[in-house]
Amino acid sequence: MTLHTILKMGDPRLLRTAQPVTAFDTDELHLLISDMLDTMRSVNGAGLAAPQIGVDLQLVVFGTADVNPRYPDRPVVPPTVLINPVITPIGDAEESDWEGCLSVPGLRGLVPRWSRIRYTGFDQYGDPIDRMVDGFHARVVQHECDHLIGRLYPTRMRDLTQLGYTDVLFPALDPADDD
């Protein structure tokens, strides 16, 4: 198990457009995914994109097996490995909700996202994934996939007065869990 350092906002590697994965079911890919899952779980993340650990590939992992202490009131999202994703909104409806990010530690912002999406891509074996989701699941997927195009959630915000420190906005949450 290798825990990777998560890059923070300001690192230029977070602003790049990631490259597609071209080889599936390789030892190297499986090791990267295992390390990403271990890294994500070690900091109670709901998701992690390869660019957040400096790997320039279109690969995200997300999901929670149990209630996530960083998002205690959110439903469980099935653990997923998603490679070369494509997101398509279902309808025009948007929802704004609070987001945090492992690359923007200690802060939360009110971010608009599509309410319902279809996402497609592949798992680590090259098998296709095709899901229609809404709510928190849709938000997590959109957030993680933004990392693949060099975007962090503050760039999606429409009102920066709705950006603040987690321990001020949500004092009941343990601020250490938002790092």
N, C-alpha and C. Protein backbone atom coordinates (compact mmCIF):
# COMPACT_ATOMS: atom_id res chain seq x y z
N MET A 1 0.85 -1.18 0.00
CA MET A 1 0.00 0.00 0.00
C MET A 1 0.89 1.24 0.00
N THR A 2 0.63 2.11 -0.95
CA THR A 2 1.34 3.38 -1.02
C THR A 2 0.32 4.51 -0.92
N LEU A 3 0.51 5.34 0.09
CA LEU A 3 -0.32 6.53 0.22
C LEU A 3 0.39 7.67 -0.49
N HIS A 4 -0.32 8.32 -1.39
CA HIS A 4 0.26 9.40 -2.17
C HIS A 4 -0.08 10.75 -1.57
N THR A 5 0.78 11.72 -1.79
CA THR A 5 0.51 13.10 -1.42
C THR A 5 -0.54 13.65 -2.38
N ILE A 6 -1.55 14.30 -1.85
CA ILE A 6 -2.60 14.90 -2.67
C ILE A 6 -2.20 16.34 -2.98
N LEU A 7 -2.14 16.64 -4.27
CA LEU A 7 -1.77 17.98 -4.70
C LEU A 7 -2.82 18.99 -4.25
N LYS A 8 -2.37 20.19 -3.95
CA LYS A 8 -3.28 21.24 -3.48
C LYS A 8 -3.44 22.33 -4.54
N MET A 9 -4.59 23.01 -4.47
CA MET A 9 -4.89 24.12 -5.37
C MET A 9 -3.68 25.05 -5.44
N GLY A 10 -3.33 25.43 -6.65
CA GLY A 10 -2.14 26.23 -6.89
C GLY A 10 -1.07 25.42 -7.61
N ASP A 11 -1.11 24.10 -7.47
CA ASP A 11 -0.17 23.24 -8.18
C ASP A 11 -0.60 23.18 -9.65
N PRO A 12 0.28 23.55 -10.59
CA PRO A 12 -0.11 23.60 -12.00
C PRO A 12 -0.53 22.25 -12.58
N ARG A 13 -0.12 21.15 -11.95
CA ARG A 13 -0.51 19.83 -12.45
C ARG A 13 -2.02 19.60 -12.33
N LEU A 14 -2.68 20.33 -11.43
CA LEU A 14 -4.13 20.20 -11.28
C LEU A 14 -4.90 20.92 -12.39
N LEU A 15 -4.21 21.69 -13.19
CA LEU A 15 -4.86 22.48 -14.24
C LEU A 15 -4.75 21.83 -15.62
N ARG A 16 -4.09 20.68 -15.71
CA ARG A 16 -3.91 20.02 -17.00
C ARG A 16 -5.14 19.20 -17.38
N THR A 17 -5.26 18.95 -18.68
CA THR A 17 -6.27 18.00 -19.18
C THR A 17 -5.61 16.63 -19.21
N ALA A 18 -6.21 15.67 -18.53
CA ALA A 18 -5.63 14.33 -18.41
C ALA A 18 -5.73 13.56 -19.73
N GLN A 19 -4.83 12.62 -19.89
CA GLN A 19 -4.77 11.79 -21.09
C GLN A 19 -5.61 10.53 -20.91
N PRO A 20 -6.20 10.01 -22.00
CA PRO A 20 -6.98 8.78 -21.89
C PRO A 20 -6.10 7.59 -21.49
N VAL A 21 -6.71 6.68 -20.77
CA VAL A 21 -6.05 5.40 -20.47
C VAL A 21 -6.17 4.54 -21.73
N THR A 22 -5.07 3.93 -22.13
CA THR A 22 -5.08 3.12 -23.36
C THR A 22 -4.86 1.64 -23.10
N ALA A 23 -4.36 1.29 -21.91
CA ALA A 23 -4.10 -0.12 -21.59
C ALA A 23 -4.86 -0.48 -20.32
N PHE A 24 -5.72 -1.47 -20.42
CA PHE A 24 -6.55 -1.91 -19.30
C PHE A 24 -6.02 -3.23 -18.76
N ASP A 25 -6.42 -3.54 -17.51
CA ASP A 25 -6.11 -4.81 -16.87
C ASP A 25 -4.61 -5.10 -16.83
N THR A 26 -3.83 -4.06 -16.54
CA THR A 26 -2.38 -4.23 -16.41
C THR A 26 -2.00 -4.17 -14.94
N ASP A 27 -0.87 -4.75 -14.61
CA ASP A 27 -0.39 -4.68 -13.22
C ASP A 27 -0.20 -3.23 -12.79
N GLU A 28 0.33 -2.40 -13.69
CA GLU A 28 0.57 -1.00 -13.36
C GLU A 28 -0.75 -0.27 -13.05
N LEU A 29 -1.77 -0.51 -13.86
CA LEU A 29 -3.07 0.13 -13.64
C LEU A 29 -3.70 -0.35 -12.34
N HIS A 30 -3.65 -1.66 -12.08
CA HIS A 30 -4.23 -2.19 -10.84
C HIS A 30 -3.52 -1.62 -9.61
N LEU A 31 -2.20 -1.47 -9.69
CA LEU A 31 -1.45 -0.91 -8.56
C LEU A 31 -1.83 0.56 -8.34
N LEU A 32 -1.94 1.31 -9.43
CA LEU A 32 -2.34 2.72 -9.32
C LEU A 32 -3.72 2.83 -8.67
N ILE A 33 -4.67 2.02 -9.11
CA ILE A 33 -6.03 2.06 -8.55
C ILE A 33 -6.01 1.69 -7.07
N SER A 34 -5.27 0.66 -6.72
CA SER A 34 -5.17 0.26 -5.31
C SER A 34 -4.60 1.40 -4.46
N ASP A 35 -3.54 2.04 -4.96
CA ASP A 35 -2.94 3.17 -4.23
C ASP A 35 -3.93 4.34 -4.12
N MET A 36 -4.67 4.60 -5.20
CA MET A 36 -5.64 5.70 -5.14
C MET A 36 -6.74 5.41 -4.13
N LEU A 37 -7.25 4.18 -4.12
CA LEU A 37 -8.29 3.83 -3.14
C LEU A 37 -7.76 3.94 -1.72
N ASP A 38 -6.56 3.45 -1.48
CA ASP A 38 -5.96 3.55 -0.14
C ASP A 38 -5.77 5.01 0.27
N THR A 39 -5.30 5.83 -0.67
CA THR A 39 -5.07 7.24 -0.39
C THR A 39 -6.40 7.92 -0.08
N MET A 40 -7.43 7.66 -0.90
CA MET A 40 -8.74 8.27 -0.70
C MET A 40 -9.31 7.88 0.67
N ARG A 41 -9.25 6.60 1.00
CA ARG A 41 -9.82 6.14 2.27
C ARG A 41 -9.05 6.68 3.47
N SER A 42 -7.75 6.87 3.32
CA SER A 42 -6.93 7.33 4.45
C SER A 42 -7.30 8.73 4.90
N VAL A 43 -7.94 9.50 4.00
CA VAL A 43 -8.34 10.87 4.33
C VAL A 43 -9.86 11.05 4.29
N ASN A 44 -10.59 9.94 4.33
CA ASN A 44 -12.06 9.96 4.32
C ASN A 44 -12.63 10.68 3.10
N GLY A 45 -12.00 10.50 1.95
CA GLY A 45 -12.48 11.12 0.73
C GLY A 45 -13.68 10.38 0.17
N ALA A 46 -14.51 11.11 -0.56
CA ALA A 46 -15.63 10.50 -1.29
C ALA A 46 -15.19 10.14 -2.70
N GLY A 47 -14.05 10.66 -3.13
CA GLY A 47 -13.52 10.37 -4.45
C GLY A 47 -12.12 10.91 -4.59
N LEU A 48 -11.44 10.44 -5.62
CA LEU A 48 -10.08 10.90 -5.91
C LEU A 48 -9.83 10.70 -7.39
N ALA A 49 -9.26 11.71 -8.02
CA ALA A 49 -8.90 11.64 -9.44
C ALA A 49 -7.38 11.49 -9.55
N ALA A 50 -6.95 10.76 -10.57
CA ALA A 50 -5.51 10.54 -10.76
C ALA A 50 -4.71 11.84 -10.81
N PRO A 51 -5.20 12.91 -11.46
CA PRO A 51 -4.43 14.16 -11.45
C PRO A 51 -4.17 14.72 -10.05
N GLN A 52 -5.01 14.37 -9.08
CA GLN A 52 -4.80 14.87 -7.72
C GLN A 52 -3.56 14.28 -7.06
N ILE A 53 -3.05 13.19 -7.62
CA ILE A 53 -1.80 12.63 -7.10
C ILE A 53 -0.70 12.76 -8.15
N GLY A 54 -0.91 13.64 -9.13
CA GLY A 54 0.11 13.94 -10.12
C GLY A 54 0.17 12.98 -11.28
N VAL A 55 -0.83 12.11 -11.44
CA VAL A 55 -0.85 11.14 -12.54
C VAL A 55 -1.79 11.67 -13.61
N ASP A 56 -1.26 11.87 -14.79
CA ASP A 56 -1.97 12.54 -15.88
C ASP A 56 -2.80 11.55 -16.70
N LEU A 57 -3.76 10.88 -16.04
CA LEU A 57 -4.62 9.90 -16.71
C LEU A 57 -6.09 10.17 -16.38
N GLN A 58 -6.97 9.82 -17.30
CA GLN A 58 -8.41 9.95 -17.10
C GLN A 58 -8.91 8.77 -16.27
N LEU A 59 -8.69 8.87 -14.98
CA LEU A 59 -9.03 7.81 -14.04
C LEU A 59 -9.51 8.45 -12.75
N VAL A 60 -10.71 8.04 -12.30
CA VAL A 60 -11.22 8.49 -11.01
C VAL A 60 -11.70 7.27 -10.23
N VAL A 61 -11.61 7.36 -8.92
CA VAL A 61 -12.21 6.38 -8.03
C VAL A 61 -13.13 7.17 -7.10
N PHE A 62 -14.25 6.58 -6.75
CA PHE A 62 -15.16 7.26 -5.85
C PHE A 62 -16.06 6.24 -5.18
N GLY A 63 -16.73 6.72 -4.14
CA GLY A 63 -17.68 5.87 -3.43
C GLY A 63 -17.34 5.75 -1.97
N THR A 64 -18.35 5.34 -1.23
CA THR A 64 -18.20 5.16 0.20
C THR A 64 -18.85 3.83 0.58
N ALA A 65 -18.16 3.04 1.33
CA ALA A 65 -18.73 1.77 1.79
C ALA A 65 -19.68 2.00 2.96
N ASP A 66 -19.39 3.04 3.75
CA ASP A 66 -20.20 3.40 4.91
C ASP A 66 -20.47 4.89 4.86
N VAL A 67 -21.05 5.41 5.91
CA VAL A 67 -21.25 6.86 6.02
C VAL A 67 -19.88 7.52 6.08
N ASN A 68 -19.68 8.54 5.28
CA ASN A 68 -18.41 9.23 5.22
C ASN A 68 -18.40 10.35 6.26
N PRO A 69 -17.38 10.39 7.15
CA PRO A 69 -17.36 11.42 8.19
C PRO A 69 -17.26 12.85 7.64
N ARG A 70 -16.76 13.02 6.41
CA ARG A 70 -16.71 14.35 5.81
C ARG A 70 -18.07 14.77 5.29
N TYR A 71 -18.93 13.78 5.00
CA TYR A 71 -20.28 14.05 4.49
C TYR A 71 -21.27 13.13 5.22
N PRO A 72 -21.44 13.35 6.52
CA PRO A 72 -22.20 12.38 7.34
C PRO A 72 -23.68 12.25 6.98
N ASP A 73 -24.26 13.28 6.36
CA ASP A 73 -25.69 13.24 6.05
C ASP A 73 -25.96 12.81 4.61
N ARG A 74 -24.96 12.33 3.91
CA ARG A 74 -25.11 11.97 2.51
C ARG A 74 -25.28 10.46 2.35
N PRO A 75 -26.02 10.05 1.31
CA PRO A 75 -26.20 8.61 1.09
C PRO A 75 -24.90 7.95 0.63
N VAL A 76 -24.83 6.65 0.83
CA VAL A 76 -23.69 5.87 0.39
C VAL A 76 -23.66 5.87 -1.14
N VAL A 77 -22.47 6.03 -1.71
CA VAL A 77 -22.26 5.96 -3.15
C VAL A 77 -21.47 4.68 -3.41
N PRO A 78 -21.92 3.84 -4.36
CA PRO A 78 -21.22 2.58 -4.59
C PRO A 78 -19.77 2.79 -5.02
N PRO A 79 -18.84 2.07 -4.42
CA PRO A 79 -17.44 2.19 -4.82
C PRO A 79 -17.28 1.88 -6.31
N THR A 80 -16.60 2.77 -7.02
CA THR A 80 -16.49 2.67 -8.47
C THR A 80 -15.11 3.11 -8.93
N VAL A 81 -14.58 2.39 -9.91
CA VAL A 81 -13.41 2.80 -10.68
C VAL A 81 -13.95 3.21 -12.04
N LEU A 82 -13.67 4.44 -12.46
CA LEU A 82 -14.20 4.95 -13.72
C LEU A 82 -13.05 5.52 -14.55
N ILE A 83 -12.90 4.96 -15.75
CA ILE A 83 -11.79 5.32 -16.63
C ILE A 83 -12.35 5.90 -17.93
N ASN A 84 -11.71 6.94 -18.42
CA ASN A 84 -12.10 7.63 -19.66
C ASN A 84 -13.59 7.99 -19.65
N PRO A 85 -14.03 8.70 -18.60
CA PRO A 85 -15.47 8.97 -18.45
C PRO A 85 -16.00 10.02 -19.42
N VAL A 86 -17.29 9.87 -19.70
CA VAL A 86 -18.05 10.87 -20.44
C VAL A 86 -19.31 11.12 -19.62
N ILE A 87 -19.60 12.40 -19.34
CA ILE A 87 -20.79 12.78 -18.57
C ILE A 87 -21.76 13.49 -19.50
N THR A 88 -23.02 13.07 -19.42
CA THR A 88 -24.08 13.70 -20.20
C THR A 88 -25.19 14.09 -19.23
N PRO A 89 -25.56 15.38 -19.20
CA PRO A 89 -26.67 15.77 -18.31
C PRO A 89 -27.98 15.18 -18.82
N ILE A 90 -28.85 14.84 -17.89
CA ILE A 90 -30.21 14.40 -18.22
C ILE A 90 -31.12 15.56 -17.84
N GLY A 91 -31.53 16.32 -18.82
CA GLY A 91 -32.34 17.50 -18.56
C GLY A 91 -31.47 18.70 -18.24
N ASP A 92 -32.15 19.80 -17.94
CA ASP A 92 -31.46 21.07 -17.66
C ASP A 92 -31.41 21.41 -16.17
N ALA A 93 -32.05 20.61 -15.33
CA ALA A 93 -32.15 20.94 -13.91
C ALA A 93 -30.77 20.91 -13.24
N GLU A 94 -30.57 21.92 -12.40
CA GLU A 94 -29.36 22.01 -11.59
C GLU A 94 -29.73 22.07 -10.13
N GLU A 95 -28.79 21.66 -9.29
CA GLU A 95 -28.91 21.80 -7.84
C GLU A 95 -27.62 22.40 -7.33
N SER A 96 -27.71 23.30 -6.39
CA SER A 96 -26.53 23.83 -5.71
C SER A 96 -26.42 23.15 -4.36
N ASP A 97 -25.21 22.77 -4.00
CA ASP A 97 -24.97 22.14 -2.70
C ASP A 97 -23.51 22.38 -2.33
N TRP A 98 -23.21 22.11 -1.06
CA TRP A 98 -21.87 22.34 -0.53
C TRP A 98 -20.93 21.23 -0.95
N GLU A 99 -19.74 21.62 -1.39
CA GLU A 99 -18.70 20.67 -1.75
C GLU A 99 -17.40 21.03 -1.06
N GLY A 100 -16.63 20.00 -0.79
CA GLY A 100 -15.26 20.15 -0.34
C GLY A 100 -14.39 19.40 -1.32
N CYS A 101 -13.09 19.51 -1.14
CA CYS A 101 -12.16 18.83 -2.05
C CYS A 101 -10.86 18.57 -1.32
N LEU A 102 -10.32 17.39 -1.54
CA LEU A 102 -9.05 17.05 -0.91
C LEU A 102 -7.91 17.94 -1.40
N SER A 103 -8.07 18.53 -2.58
CA SER A 103 -7.07 19.45 -3.12
C SER A 103 -7.31 20.90 -2.70
N VAL A 104 -8.41 21.14 -2.00
CA VAL A 104 -8.74 22.47 -1.47
C VAL A 104 -9.08 22.27 0.01
N PRO A 105 -8.09 21.83 0.80
CA PRO A 105 -8.38 21.41 2.17
C PRO A 105 -8.90 22.55 3.05
N GLY A 106 -9.85 22.17 3.91
CA GLY A 106 -10.36 23.10 4.91
C GLY A 106 -11.47 24.01 4.43
N LEU A 107 -11.81 24.00 3.15
CA LEU A 107 -12.82 24.89 2.61
C LEU A 107 -14.01 24.12 2.07
N ARG A 108 -15.15 24.79 2.01
CA ARG A 108 -16.36 24.28 1.34
C ARG A 108 -16.96 25.43 0.55
N GLY A 109 -17.62 25.05 -0.54
CA GLY A 109 -18.27 26.06 -1.36
C GLY A 109 -19.59 25.55 -1.91
N LEU A 110 -20.50 26.48 -2.17
CA LEU A 110 -21.81 26.15 -2.72
C LEU A 110 -21.66 26.10 -4.25
N VAL A 111 -21.84 24.89 -4.81
CA VAL A 111 -21.52 24.62 -6.21
C VAL A 111 -22.75 24.13 -6.96
N PRO A 112 -23.09 24.75 -8.10
CA PRO A 112 -24.17 24.22 -8.92
C PRO A 112 -23.68 23.04 -9.77
N ARG A 113 -24.51 22.01 -9.86
CA ARG A 113 -24.21 20.83 -10.69
C ARG A 113 -25.51 20.37 -11.32
N TRP A 114 -25.39 19.62 -12.41
CA TRP A 114 -26.58 19.01 -12.99
C TRP A 114 -27.19 18.06 -11.97
N SER A 115 -28.50 18.04 -11.91
CA SER A 115 -29.21 17.19 -10.94
C SER A 115 -29.12 15.71 -11.31
N ARG A 116 -29.26 15.42 -12.59
CA ARG A 116 -29.23 14.03 -13.07
C ARG A 116 -28.26 13.93 -14.23
N ILE A 117 -27.46 12.86 -14.22
CA ILE A 117 -26.50 12.65 -15.30
C ILE A 117 -26.47 11.18 -15.72
N ARG A 118 -25.97 10.98 -16.89
CA ARG A 118 -25.57 9.66 -17.36
C ARG A 118 -24.06 9.70 -17.47
N TYR A 119 -23.40 8.70 -16.90
CA TYR A 119 -21.95 8.64 -17.11
C TYR A 119 -21.59 7.29 -17.68
N THR A 120 -20.65 7.37 -18.62
CA THR A 120 -20.14 6.17 -19.28
C THR A 120 -18.63 6.17 -19.18
N GLY A 121 -18.05 5.03 -19.36
CA GLY A 121 -16.61 4.87 -19.32
C GLY A 121 -16.31 3.39 -19.20
N PHE A 122 -15.19 3.10 -18.55
CA PHE A 122 -14.74 1.72 -18.42
C PHE A 122 -14.23 1.46 -17.02
N ASP A 123 -14.27 0.20 -16.60
CA ASP A 123 -13.63 -0.19 -15.34
C ASP A 123 -12.18 -0.58 -15.64
N GLN A 124 -11.49 -1.03 -14.62
CA GLN A 124 -10.07 -1.33 -14.78
C GLN A 124 -9.78 -2.50 -15.72
N TYR A 125 -10.80 -3.30 -16.02
CA TYR A 125 -10.63 -4.44 -16.92
C TYR A 125 -11.00 -4.09 -18.36
N GLY A 126 -11.48 -2.88 -18.58
CA GLY A 126 -11.91 -2.47 -19.90
C GLY A 126 -13.37 -2.76 -20.16
N ASP A 127 -14.09 -3.21 -19.14
CA ASP A 127 -15.53 -3.46 -19.29
C ASP A 127 -16.28 -2.14 -19.23
N PRO A 128 -17.31 -1.97 -20.07
CA PRO A 128 -18.03 -0.69 -20.11
C PRO A 128 -18.87 -0.45 -18.85
N ILE A 129 -18.97 0.82 -18.49
CA ILE A 129 -19.84 1.29 -17.41
C ILE A 129 -20.81 2.28 -18.04
N ASP A 130 -22.08 2.15 -17.71
CA ASP A 130 -23.11 3.06 -18.23
C ASP A 130 -24.17 3.19 -17.15
N ARG A 131 -24.20 4.34 -16.46
CA ARG A 131 -25.13 4.54 -15.34
C ARG A 131 -25.84 5.88 -15.46
N MET A 132 -27.07 5.90 -14.98
CA MET A 132 -27.83 7.13 -14.82
C MET A 132 -28.03 7.33 -13.33
N VAL A 133 -27.62 8.50 -12.83
CA VAL A 133 -27.65 8.75 -11.39
C VAL A 133 -28.12 10.18 -11.12
N ASP A 134 -28.47 10.41 -9.85
CA ASP A 134 -28.85 11.75 -9.43
C ASP A 134 -28.32 12.00 -8.03
N GLY A 135 -28.64 13.16 -7.50
CA GLY A 135 -28.29 13.49 -6.13
C GLY A 135 -26.79 13.52 -5.87
N PHE A 136 -26.42 13.07 -4.68
CA PHE A 136 -25.03 13.10 -4.24
C PHE A 136 -24.13 12.28 -5.16
N HIS A 137 -24.62 11.14 -5.63
CA HIS A 137 -23.85 10.30 -6.54
C HIS A 137 -23.48 11.11 -7.79
N ALA A 138 -24.45 11.80 -8.38
CA ALA A 138 -24.19 12.61 -9.58
C ALA A 138 -23.19 13.72 -9.27
N ARG A 139 -23.31 14.33 -8.11
CA ARG A 139 -22.41 15.42 -7.71
C ARG A 139 -20.97 14.91 -7.58
N VAL A 140 -20.80 13.77 -6.94
CA VAL A 140 -19.46 13.22 -6.75
C VAL A 140 -18.80 12.92 -8.10
N VAL A 141 -19.55 12.30 -9.00
CA VAL A 141 -19.00 11.97 -10.32
C VAL A 141 -18.59 13.24 -11.06
N GLN A 142 -19.46 14.25 -11.07
CA GLN A 142 -19.14 15.49 -11.77
C GLN A 142 -17.91 16.16 -11.15
N HIS A 143 -17.84 16.17 -9.83
CA HIS A 143 -16.71 16.79 -9.14
C HIS A 143 -15.41 16.09 -9.52
N GLU A 144 -15.40 14.76 -9.43
CA GLU A 144 -14.17 14.02 -9.73
C GLU A 144 -13.76 14.17 -11.19
N CYS A 145 -14.73 14.12 -12.08
CA CYS A 145 -14.42 14.23 -13.51
C CYS A 145 -13.94 15.63 -13.88
N ASP A 146 -14.33 16.64 -13.13
CA ASP A 146 -13.79 17.98 -13.35
C ASP A 146 -12.27 17.99 -13.22
N HIS A 147 -11.73 17.17 -12.32
CA HIS A 147 -10.28 17.11 -12.16
C HIS A 147 -9.59 16.66 -13.44
N LEU A 148 -10.28 15.90 -14.27
CA LEU A 148 -9.69 15.38 -15.50
C LEU A 148 -9.59 16.44 -16.58
N ILE A 149 -10.31 17.55 -16.39
CA ILE A 149 -10.23 18.66 -17.35
C ILE A 149 -9.60 19.90 -16.70
N GLY A 150 -8.93 19.69 -15.58
CA GLY A 150 -8.20 20.78 -14.94
C GLY A 150 -9.05 21.79 -14.22
N ARG A 151 -10.21 21.35 -13.67
CA ARG A 151 -11.08 22.28 -12.94
C ARG A 151 -11.23 21.86 -11.50
N LEU A 152 -11.20 22.85 -10.62
CA LEU A 152 -11.50 22.65 -9.20
C LEU A 152 -12.82 23.33 -8.91
N TYR A 153 -13.53 22.83 -7.89
CA TYR A 153 -14.89 23.30 -7.66
C TYR A 153 -15.04 24.82 -7.52
N PRO A 154 -14.05 25.56 -6.96
CA PRO A 154 -14.27 27.02 -6.87
C PRO A 154 -14.50 27.66 -8.24
N THR A 155 -13.98 27.06 -9.32
CA THR A 155 -14.18 27.65 -10.65
C THR A 155 -15.59 27.41 -11.16
N ARG A 156 -16.35 26.55 -10.51
CA ARG A 156 -17.75 26.31 -10.87
C ARG A 156 -18.71 27.19 -10.06
N MET A 157 -18.21 27.80 -8.99
CA MET A 157 -19.07 28.58 -8.11
C MET A 157 -19.53 29.87 -8.81
N ARG A 158 -20.75 30.28 -8.52
CA ARG A 158 -21.29 31.51 -9.08
C ARG A 158 -21.26 32.67 -8.08
N ASP A 159 -21.04 32.34 -6.80
CA ASP A 159 -21.05 33.36 -5.76
C ASP A 159 -19.96 33.01 -4.74
N LEU A 160 -18.84 33.70 -4.84
CA LEU A 160 -17.72 33.38 -3.96
C LEU A 160 -17.95 33.80 -2.51
N THR A 161 -19.05 34.49 -2.22
CA THR A 161 -19.38 34.75 -0.81
C THR A 161 -19.85 33.45 -0.15
N GLN A 162 -20.11 32.42 -0.96
CA GLN A 162 -20.54 31.12 -0.45
C GLN A 162 -19.37 30.14 -0.38
N LEU A 163 -18.17 30.65 -0.21
CA LEU A 163 -16.96 29.86 -0.01
C LEU A 163 -16.42 30.18 1.36
N GLY A 164 -16.17 29.15 2.16
CA GLY A 164 -15.67 29.42 3.50
C GLY A 164 -14.99 28.22 4.11
N TYR A 165 -14.44 28.43 5.28
CA TYR A 165 -13.77 27.35 6.00
C TYR A 165 -14.80 26.40 6.58
N THR A 166 -14.52 25.13 6.44
CA THR A 166 -15.44 24.09 6.89
C THR A 166 -15.77 24.24 8.37
N ASP A 167 -14.75 24.52 9.19
CA ASP A 167 -15.00 24.58 10.64
C ASP A 167 -15.84 25.80 11.03
N VAL A 168 -15.92 26.80 10.17
CA VAL A 168 -16.78 27.95 10.43
C VAL A 168 -18.19 27.69 9.90
N LEU A 169 -18.27 27.16 8.67
CA LEU A 169 -19.57 26.88 8.05
C LEU A 169 -20.31 25.73 8.72
N PHE A 170 -19.55 24.69 9.09
CA PHE A 170 -20.14 23.47 9.64
C PHE A 170 -19.38 23.07 10.90
N PRO A 171 -19.57 23.80 12.00
CA PRO A 171 -18.77 23.56 13.21
C PRO A 171 -18.92 22.15 13.78
N ALA A 172 -20.00 21.45 13.45
CA ALA A 172 -20.19 20.10 13.99
C ALA A 172 -19.26 19.09 13.33
N LEU A 173 -18.76 19.42 12.13
CA LEU A 173 -17.82 18.51 11.48
C LEU A 173 -16.44 18.69 12.09
N ASP A 174 -15.71 17.61 12.19
CA ASP A 174 -14.34 17.68 12.69
C ASP A 174 -13.46 18.27 11.58
N PRO A 175 -12.86 19.44 11.79
CA PRO A 175 -12.06 20.04 10.74
C PRO A 175 -10.91 19.16 10.27
N ALA A 176 -10.42 18.30 11.12
CA ALA A 176 -9.33 17.41 10.72
C ALA A 176 -9.76 16.45 9.63
N ASP A 177 -11.05 16.17 9.55
CA ASP A 177 -11.56 15.25 8.52
C ASP A 177 -11.65 15.92 7.16
N ASP A 178 -11.45 17.22 7.07
CA ASP A 178 -11.59 17.91 5.79
C ASP A 178 -10.24 18.18 5.14
N ASP A 179 -9.18 17.69 5.72
CA ASP A 179 -7.85 17.88 5.14
C ASP A 179 -7.58 16.87 4.06
